[in-house]
N, C-alpha and C. Protein backbone atom coordinates (compact mmCIF):
# COMPACT_ATOMS: atom_id res chain seq x y z
N MET A 1 18.59 10.44 33.54
CA MET A 1 17.25 10.34 32.68
C MET A 1 17.42 10.96 31.54
N ASN A 2 18.12 12.15 31.56
CA ASN A 2 18.35 12.87 30.26
C ASN A 2 19.25 12.03 29.21
N LYS A 3 20.12 10.97 29.70
CA LYS A 3 20.80 10.27 28.68
C LYS A 3 19.99 9.33 28.04
N ILE A 4 18.85 8.65 28.76
CA ILE A 4 18.02 7.75 28.16
C ILE A 4 17.20 8.56 27.24
N ASP A 5 16.64 9.69 27.44
CA ASP A 5 15.81 10.47 26.52
C ASP A 5 16.64 10.65 25.21
N LYS A 6 17.84 11.20 25.35
CA LYS A 6 18.61 11.30 24.17
C LYS A 6 18.89 9.93 23.42
N LYS A 7 19.05 8.99 23.98
CA LYS A 7 19.28 7.60 23.36
C LYS A 7 18.22 7.09 22.54
N LEU A 8 16.83 7.40 23.36
CA LEU A 8 15.79 6.95 22.61
C LEU A 8 15.43 8.00 21.19
N ASP A 9 15.58 9.38 21.43
CA ASP A 9 15.57 10.16 20.30
C ASP A 9 16.48 9.72 19.17
N VAL A 10 17.75 9.34 19.39
CA VAL A 10 18.65 8.89 18.33
C VAL A 10 18.10 7.58 17.69
N SER A 11 17.81 6.68 18.58
CA SER A 11 17.31 5.26 17.95
C SER A 11 15.98 5.60 17.14
N ALA A 12 15.15 6.35 17.59
CA ALA A 12 13.76 6.70 16.82
C ALA A 12 14.18 7.44 15.43
N LYS A 13 15.11 8.24 15.46
CA LYS A 13 15.57 8.95 14.21
C LYS A 13 16.15 7.88 13.26
N ASN A 14 17.02 7.14 13.65
CA ASN A 14 17.64 6.05 12.84
C ASN A 14 16.61 5.04 12.33
N GLY A 15 15.66 4.78 13.18
CA GLY A 15 14.57 3.86 12.64
C GLY A 15 13.89 4.58 11.63
N GLU A 16 13.62 5.74 11.84
CA GLU A 16 12.64 6.32 10.85
C GLU A 16 13.54 6.53 9.47
N LYS A 17 14.80 6.75 9.53
CA LYS A 17 15.75 6.75 8.42
C LYS A 17 15.92 5.63 7.59
N LYS A 18 15.80 4.45 8.43
CA LYS A 18 16.00 3.15 7.80
C LYS A 18 14.83 2.84 6.84
N TYR A 19 13.69 3.01 7.41
CA TYR A 19 12.47 2.65 6.69
C TYR A 19 11.96 3.86 5.91
N PHE A 20 12.62 4.90 5.62
CA PHE A 20 12.05 6.04 5.04
C PHE A 20 11.52 5.83 3.58
N ASN A 21 12.29 4.90 2.90
CA ASN A 21 11.87 4.67 1.49
C ASN A 21 11.09 3.62 1.19
N ASP A 22 10.60 2.80 2.33
CA ASP A 22 9.81 1.66 2.11
C ASP A 22 8.36 1.92 1.53
N TRP A 23 8.01 3.19 1.62
CA TRP A 23 6.63 3.38 1.01
C TRP A 23 6.71 3.27 -0.50
N LYS A 24 7.75 3.45 -1.07
CA LYS A 24 7.89 3.12 -2.65
C LYS A 24 7.62 1.72 -2.91
N LEU A 25 8.22 0.74 -2.14
CA LEU A 25 7.90 -0.68 -2.37
C LEU A 25 6.50 -1.06 -2.06
N GLU A 26 5.95 -0.38 -1.07
CA GLU A 26 4.50 -0.70 -0.80
C GLU A 26 3.58 -0.20 -1.85
N VAL A 27 3.97 1.04 -2.28
CA VAL A 27 3.08 1.49 -3.40
C VAL A 27 3.10 0.57 -4.60
N CYS A 28 4.24 0.13 -4.86
CA CYS A 28 4.54 -0.91 -6.13
C CYS A 28 3.80 -2.00 -5.87
N ALA A 29 3.85 -2.63 -4.72
CA ALA A 29 3.09 -3.90 -4.28
C ALA A 29 1.55 -3.56 -4.47
N LEU A 30 1.20 -2.48 -4.13
CA LEU A 30 -0.42 -2.18 -4.08
C LEU A 30 -0.73 -2.13 -5.51
N ILE A 31 0.01 -1.46 -6.42
CA ILE A 31 -0.31 -1.33 -7.80
C ILE A 31 -0.40 -2.75 -8.56
N GLY A 32 0.56 -3.66 -8.10
CA GLY A 32 0.56 -4.93 -8.59
C GLY A 32 -0.69 -5.71 -8.05
N PHE A 33 -1.21 -5.45 -6.85
CA PHE A 33 -2.36 -6.06 -6.43
C PHE A 33 -3.76 -5.63 -7.21
N CYS A 34 -3.56 -4.29 -7.65
CA CYS A 34 -4.73 -3.67 -8.45
C CYS A 34 -4.70 -4.29 -9.86
N PHE A 35 -3.50 -4.62 -10.41
CA PHE A 35 -3.37 -5.40 -11.67
C PHE A 35 -4.05 -6.75 -11.50
N SER A 36 -3.62 -7.42 -10.56
CA SER A 36 -4.15 -8.62 -10.31
C SER A 36 -5.77 -8.74 -10.14
N GLY A 37 -6.14 -7.75 -9.52
CA GLY A 37 -7.75 -7.59 -9.51
C GLY A 37 -8.30 -7.39 -10.74
N ALA A 38 -7.65 -6.38 -11.62
CA ALA A 38 -8.29 -6.35 -12.87
C ALA A 38 -8.27 -7.50 -13.70
N ILE A 39 -7.16 -8.41 -13.62
CA ILE A 39 -7.13 -9.69 -14.34
C ILE A 39 -8.36 -10.64 -13.81
N PHE A 40 -8.63 -10.67 -12.41
CA PHE A 40 -9.51 -11.42 -12.07
C PHE A 40 -11.05 -10.93 -12.37
N ILE A 41 -11.07 -9.51 -12.57
CA ILE A 41 -12.49 -9.15 -13.15
C ILE A 41 -12.57 -9.62 -14.57
N LEU A 42 -11.60 -9.46 -15.31
CA LEU A 42 -11.52 -10.04 -16.74
C LEU A 42 -12.18 -11.48 -16.84
N SER A 43 -11.49 -12.18 -15.90
CA SER A 43 -11.72 -13.79 -15.87
C SER A 43 -13.22 -13.98 -15.32
N GLY A 44 -13.55 -13.07 -14.50
CA GLY A 44 -15.01 -13.09 -14.04
C GLY A 44 -15.90 -12.80 -15.13
N ILE A 45 -15.65 -11.86 -15.83
CA ILE A 45 -16.52 -11.36 -17.05
C ILE A 45 -16.61 -12.57 -18.08
N LYS A 46 -15.42 -13.11 -18.41
CA LYS A 46 -15.20 -14.14 -19.41
C LYS A 46 -16.19 -15.41 -19.01
N HIS A 47 -16.03 -15.75 -17.68
CA HIS A 47 -16.75 -16.93 -17.22
C HIS A 47 -18.06 -16.63 -16.73
N GLY A 48 -18.64 -15.33 -16.57
CA GLY A 48 -19.90 -14.96 -16.09
C GLY A 48 -20.02 -15.19 -14.65
N ASP A 49 -19.04 -15.01 -14.08
CA ASP A 49 -19.07 -15.21 -12.59
C ASP A 49 -19.21 -13.79 -11.81
N ILE A 50 -20.42 -13.49 -11.29
CA ILE A 50 -20.56 -12.29 -10.75
C ILE A 50 -19.84 -11.93 -9.37
N LEU A 51 -19.73 -13.02 -8.56
CA LEU A 51 -18.96 -13.03 -7.34
C LEU A 51 -17.47 -12.57 -7.49
N THR A 52 -16.87 -13.19 -8.42
CA THR A 52 -15.51 -12.82 -8.82
C THR A 52 -15.35 -11.43 -9.18
N ILE A 53 -16.40 -10.86 -9.93
CA ILE A 53 -16.33 -9.53 -10.48
C ILE A 53 -16.46 -8.63 -9.22
N ILE A 54 -17.50 -8.95 -8.26
CA ILE A 54 -17.69 -8.20 -6.99
C ILE A 54 -16.46 -8.09 -6.30
N GLY A 55 -15.98 -9.37 -5.83
CA GLY A 55 -14.88 -9.56 -4.95
C GLY A 55 -13.61 -8.76 -5.47
N SER A 56 -13.41 -8.90 -6.71
CA SER A 56 -12.34 -8.20 -7.44
C SER A 56 -12.37 -6.81 -7.40
N SER A 57 -13.54 -6.24 -7.55
CA SER A 57 -13.89 -4.81 -7.74
C SER A 57 -13.45 -4.29 -6.16
N VAL A 58 -14.05 -4.80 -5.10
CA VAL A 58 -13.85 -4.44 -3.78
C VAL A 58 -12.23 -4.57 -3.46
N TRP A 59 -11.61 -5.52 -3.95
CA TRP A 59 -10.14 -5.60 -3.76
C TRP A 59 -9.38 -4.48 -4.37
N ILE A 60 -9.76 -3.97 -5.66
CA ILE A 60 -9.29 -2.89 -6.24
C ILE A 60 -9.51 -1.58 -5.33
N ILE A 61 -10.68 -1.52 -4.99
CA ILE A 61 -11.09 -0.32 -4.23
C ILE A 61 -10.28 -0.16 -3.13
N SER A 62 -10.18 -1.40 -2.27
CA SER A 62 -9.62 -1.37 -1.01
C SER A 62 -8.01 -0.88 -1.14
N CYS A 63 -7.35 -1.59 -2.24
CA CYS A 63 -5.95 -1.27 -2.49
C CYS A 63 -5.85 0.29 -2.82
N VAL A 64 -6.68 0.77 -3.73
CA VAL A 64 -6.69 2.27 -3.83
C VAL A 64 -6.86 3.10 -2.88
N THR A 65 -7.61 2.64 -1.83
CA THR A 65 -7.84 3.36 -0.63
C THR A 65 -6.71 3.29 0.27
N TRP A 66 -6.03 2.12 0.20
CA TRP A 66 -4.74 1.93 1.00
C TRP A 66 -3.63 3.01 0.63
N MET A 67 -3.79 3.10 -0.64
CA MET A 67 -2.83 4.10 -1.17
C MET A 67 -2.89 5.58 -0.97
N ILE A 68 -3.99 5.83 -0.57
CA ILE A 68 -4.44 7.33 -0.46
C ILE A 68 -3.46 8.18 0.57
N PRO A 69 -2.90 7.61 1.57
CA PRO A 69 -2.06 8.21 2.48
C PRO A 69 -0.58 8.67 1.93
N TYR A 70 -0.26 7.77 0.91
CA TYR A 70 0.99 8.04 0.27
C TYR A 70 0.97 9.16 -0.86
N ARG A 71 -0.18 9.83 -1.04
CA ARG A 71 -0.24 10.91 -1.86
C ARG A 71 0.56 12.20 -1.46
N LYS A 72 0.93 12.17 -0.18
CA LYS A 72 1.80 13.17 0.26
C LYS A 72 3.16 13.15 -0.23
N TYR A 73 3.67 11.89 -0.64
CA TYR A 73 4.86 11.89 -1.13
C TYR A 73 4.91 12.33 -2.74
N PHE A 74 3.80 12.68 -3.27
CA PHE A 74 3.89 13.04 -4.63
C PHE A 74 3.39 14.37 -4.81
N SER A 75 3.31 15.16 -3.75
CA SER A 75 2.81 16.44 -3.82
C SER A 75 4.05 17.42 -4.11
N PRO A 76 3.88 18.33 -5.03
CA PRO A 76 5.04 19.11 -5.48
C PRO A 76 5.65 20.13 -4.49
């Protein structure tokens, strides 16, 4: 049983190490989604479409909320 526990610990550590820097890619993608939301807001303003403006605002707020847990990587 002890051998199995050690093997699981090693595989978990390797898995964590393998995906440790994926948060950077995810934050970059979320920033891109925020930019696209801003473009849709500008388009909604230009065409007078309130639903586009509201939907894009919700999109941006959701993306920013999604980024909140990643602030731990930016702490000094």
